[in-house]
Amino acid sequence: MEPQLLAKSFKYTGHPGCKGALFTGAVYIDDEGIYVLHNRFTWESGNTAWATFGALGALINYLCTRKKTVDYPFSSSPFADLPEEVQARFTAVTPSRTATLAIIPKESVTGYLKSFMKGARILVGDVTLWAMGAKKDVWERLSEMGYMERAEQDAAAEA
């Protein structure tokens, strides 16, 4: 089964190295694991500054965060260095020249959570991968792919 595109933007919680970062790229999923393509990132504070103070707030936020980097929670490889047959599997989103790909094996995924207010979340150890605007048709097939749906209370009890 080819990896299915789940979302084009995402964020991580539970990992201090990327707190407040919103990633643009792609989250692909199949019955073997999750593939996270990191194209670029922005900061949640930038969106807040833009909404509150307009262009001036966005400019000030940019000047304050332009050298700030993220630490990905999973090991990743530069997308351009991967073999062409691997790159061909991920064609739904055009990767930037600096894009990286992280592969999360299915065994590392402890489950996923669905809720109307909090959206699509995939649990990988202490890290939660939030898929922004997850595609409903792919999201509904996760149990068919062998991923376990968790109850909100179970996940909170483990944390």
Protein backbone atom coordinates (compact mmCIF):
# COMPACT_ATOMS: atom_id res chain seq x y z
CA MET A 1 0.00 0.00 0.00
CA GLU A 2 1.34 3.41 -0.96
CA PRO A 3 1.45 6.07 1.77
CA GLN A 4 -1.70 8.19 1.92
CA LEU A 5 -1.56 11.95 2.47
CA LEU A 6 -3.10 12.70 5.87
CA ALA A 7 -2.36 16.43 6.27
CA LYS A 8 -0.30 19.25 4.77
CA SER A 9 0.47 21.01 8.04
CA PHE A 10 1.10 19.78 11.56
CA LYS A 11 2.69 20.52 14.90
CA TYR A 12 4.26 18.57 17.72
CA THR A 13 3.46 18.80 21.42
CA GLY A 14 5.35 17.16 24.22
CA HIS A 15 8.77 17.97 22.75
CA PRO A 16 10.43 21.16 24.03
CA GLY A 17 12.67 21.56 20.96
CA CYS A 18 9.77 22.48 18.70
CA LYS A 19 7.36 24.12 21.12
CA GLY A 20 5.28 26.75 19.31
CA ALA A 21 6.38 25.69 15.81
CA LEU A 22 3.83 25.09 13.05
CA PHE A 23 5.18 22.93 10.23
CA THR A 24 4.26 22.99 6.58
CA GLY A 25 5.00 19.86 4.63
CA ALA A 26 3.05 16.63 4.76
CA VAL A 27 2.08 13.75 6.98
CA TYR A 28 1.75 10.48 5.08
CA ILE A 29 0.56 7.26 6.66
CA ASP A 30 0.31 3.62 5.65
CA ASP A 31 0.21 0.26 7.38
CA GLU A 32 3.99 0.34 7.97
CA GLY A 33 4.35 3.73 9.64
CA ILE A 34 4.07 7.48 9.49
CA TYR A 35 6.18 9.63 7.18
CA VAL A 36 6.58 13.26 8.17
CA LEU A 37 7.93 15.67 5.55
CA HIS A 38 9.19 18.90 7.10
CA ASN A 39 9.22 21.59 4.41
CA ARG A 40 9.34 24.75 6.52
CA PHE A 41 8.03 26.10 9.80
CA THR A 42 6.60 29.25 11.30
CA TRP A 43 5.91 30.22 14.87
CA GLU A 44 2.49 30.35 16.48
CA SER A 45 3.54 33.65 18.03
CA GLY A 46 3.91 35.11 14.53
CA ASN A 47 0.29 34.36 13.72
CA THR A 48 -0.80 35.91 17.02
CA ALA A 49 1.35 39.00 16.44
CA TRP A 50 -0.08 39.41 12.93
CA ALA A 51 -3.67 39.06 14.13
CA THR A 52 -3.17 41.44 17.04
CA PHE A 53 -0.83 44.12 15.71
CA GLY A 54 -0.95 43.66 11.94
CA ALA A 55 2.09 43.94 9.69
CA LEU A 56 4.15 45.79 12.29
CA GLY A 57 3.59 42.99 14.83
CA ALA A 58 4.51 40.36 12.24
CA LEU A 59 7.71 42.26 11.37
CA ILE A 60 8.75 42.57 15.03
CA ASN A 61 8.02 38.87 15.58
CA TYR A 62 10.05 37.96 12.50
CA LEU A 63 13.04 40.00 13.70
CA CYS A 64 12.86 38.31 17.11
CA THR A 65 12.51 34.73 15.83
CA ARG A 66 14.41 34.65 12.53
CA LYS A 67 17.45 32.88 14.01
CA LYS A 68 15.41 30.57 16.23
CA THR A 69 15.62 26.94 15.11
CA VAL A 70 13.68 23.78 15.90
CA ASP A 71 14.82 20.41 17.14
CA TYR A 72 12.77 17.67 15.49
CA PRO A 73 11.52 15.00 17.90
CA PHE A 74 12.34 12.16 15.48
CA SER A 75 15.47 11.51 13.46
CA SER A 76 15.14 12.76 9.92
CA SER A 77 17.09 12.68 6.68
CA PRO A 78 17.42 15.34 3.99
CA PHE A 79 14.77 14.58 1.38
CA ALA A 80 17.11 15.37 -1.53
CA ASP A 81 19.58 12.69 -0.34
CA LEU A 82 17.00 9.89 -0.40
CA PRO A 83 16.87 7.48 -3.36
CA GLU A 84 14.56 8.48 -6.20
CA GLU A 85 12.23 5.50 -5.65
CA VAL A 86 11.67 6.68 -2.07
CA GLN A 87 11.11 10.30 -3.18
CA ALA A 88 8.58 9.12 -5.78
CA ARG A 89 6.32 7.74 -3.00
CA PHE A 90 5.74 11.26 -1.65
CA THR A 91 4.47 13.33 -4.56
CA ALA A 92 1.33 14.93 -3.09
CA VAL A 93 3.33 17.87 -1.71
CA THR A 94 6.30 19.40 -3.51
CA PRO A 95 9.22 19.35 -1.07
CA SER A 96 11.51 22.34 -0.69
CA ARG A 97 15.21 21.87 -1.34
CA THR A 98 15.87 21.88 2.42
CA ALA A 99 13.03 19.46 3.30
CA THR A 100 13.66 16.54 5.63
CA LEU A 101 11.78 13.27 6.00
CA ALA A 102 11.22 11.51 9.31
CA ILE A 103 10.00 7.93 9.28
CA ILE A 104 8.13 6.78 12.38
CA PRO A 105 7.69 2.99 12.48
CA LYS A 106 4.19 1.72 13.27
CA GLU A 107 5.53 -0.05 16.39
CA SER A 108 6.41 3.37 17.88
CA VAL A 109 2.86 4.69 17.51
CA THR A 110 0.88 4.14 20.71
CA GLY A 111 -2.44 5.17 19.17
CA TYR A 112 -4.47 8.07 17.90
CA LEU A 113 -7.10 10.32 19.40
CA LYS A 114 -10.15 11.79 17.71
CA SER A 115 -12.13 14.66 19.11
CA PHE A 116 -14.32 17.35 17.64
CA MET A 117 -12.60 20.23 19.44
CA LYS A 118 -8.97 19.06 19.46
CA GLY A 119 -8.80 17.44 16.04
CA ALA A 120 -6.56 14.65 14.79
CA ARG A 121 -3.73 13.60 17.12
CA ILE A 122 -1.30 10.72 16.79
CA LEU A 123 0.54 9.57 19.90
CA VAL A 124 4.17 8.51 19.55
CA GLY A 125 5.59 7.96 23.03
CA ASP A 126 5.60 11.30 24.86
CA VAL A 127 5.20 13.27 21.63
CA THR A 128 1.86 14.09 20.04
CA LEU A 129 1.70 14.77 16.31
CA TRP A 130 -1.25 17.09 15.59
CA ALA A 131 -2.37 16.79 11.98
CA MET A 132 -3.93 20.14 11.01
CA GLY A 133 -6.89 19.68 8.69
CA ALA A 134 -6.55 15.91 8.47
CA LYS A 135 -8.18 14.34 5.43
CA LYS A 136 -11.30 12.61 6.67
CA ASP A 137 -11.16 9.64 4.27
CA VAL A 138 -7.61 8.74 5.36
CA TRP A 139 -8.25 9.48 9.05
CA GLU A 140 -11.23 7.12 9.14
CA ARG A 141 -9.14 4.25 7.71
CA LEU A 142 -6.47 4.31 10.44
CA SER A 143 -8.05 1.40 12.30
CA GLU A 144 -8.05 -0.61 9.03
CA MET A 145 -4.31 0.08 8.78
CA GLY A 146 -3.82 -1.40 12.24
CA TYR A 147 -3.54 1.76 14.35
CA MET A 148 -5.32 1.71 17.70
CA GLU A 149 -7.82 4.40 18.62
CA ARG A 150 -7.37 5.57 22.19
CA ALA A 151 -9.87 7.16 24.52
CA GLU A 152 -9.06 10.66 25.76
CA GLN A 153 -9.13 9.47 29.37
CA ASP A 154 -6.67 6.62 28.71
CA ALA A 155 -4.15 8.98 27.12
CA ALA A 156 -4.49 11.47 29.98
CA ALA A 157 -4.04 8.72 32.58
CA GLU A 158 -0.77 7.57 30.96
CA ALA A 159 0.70 11.09 30.85
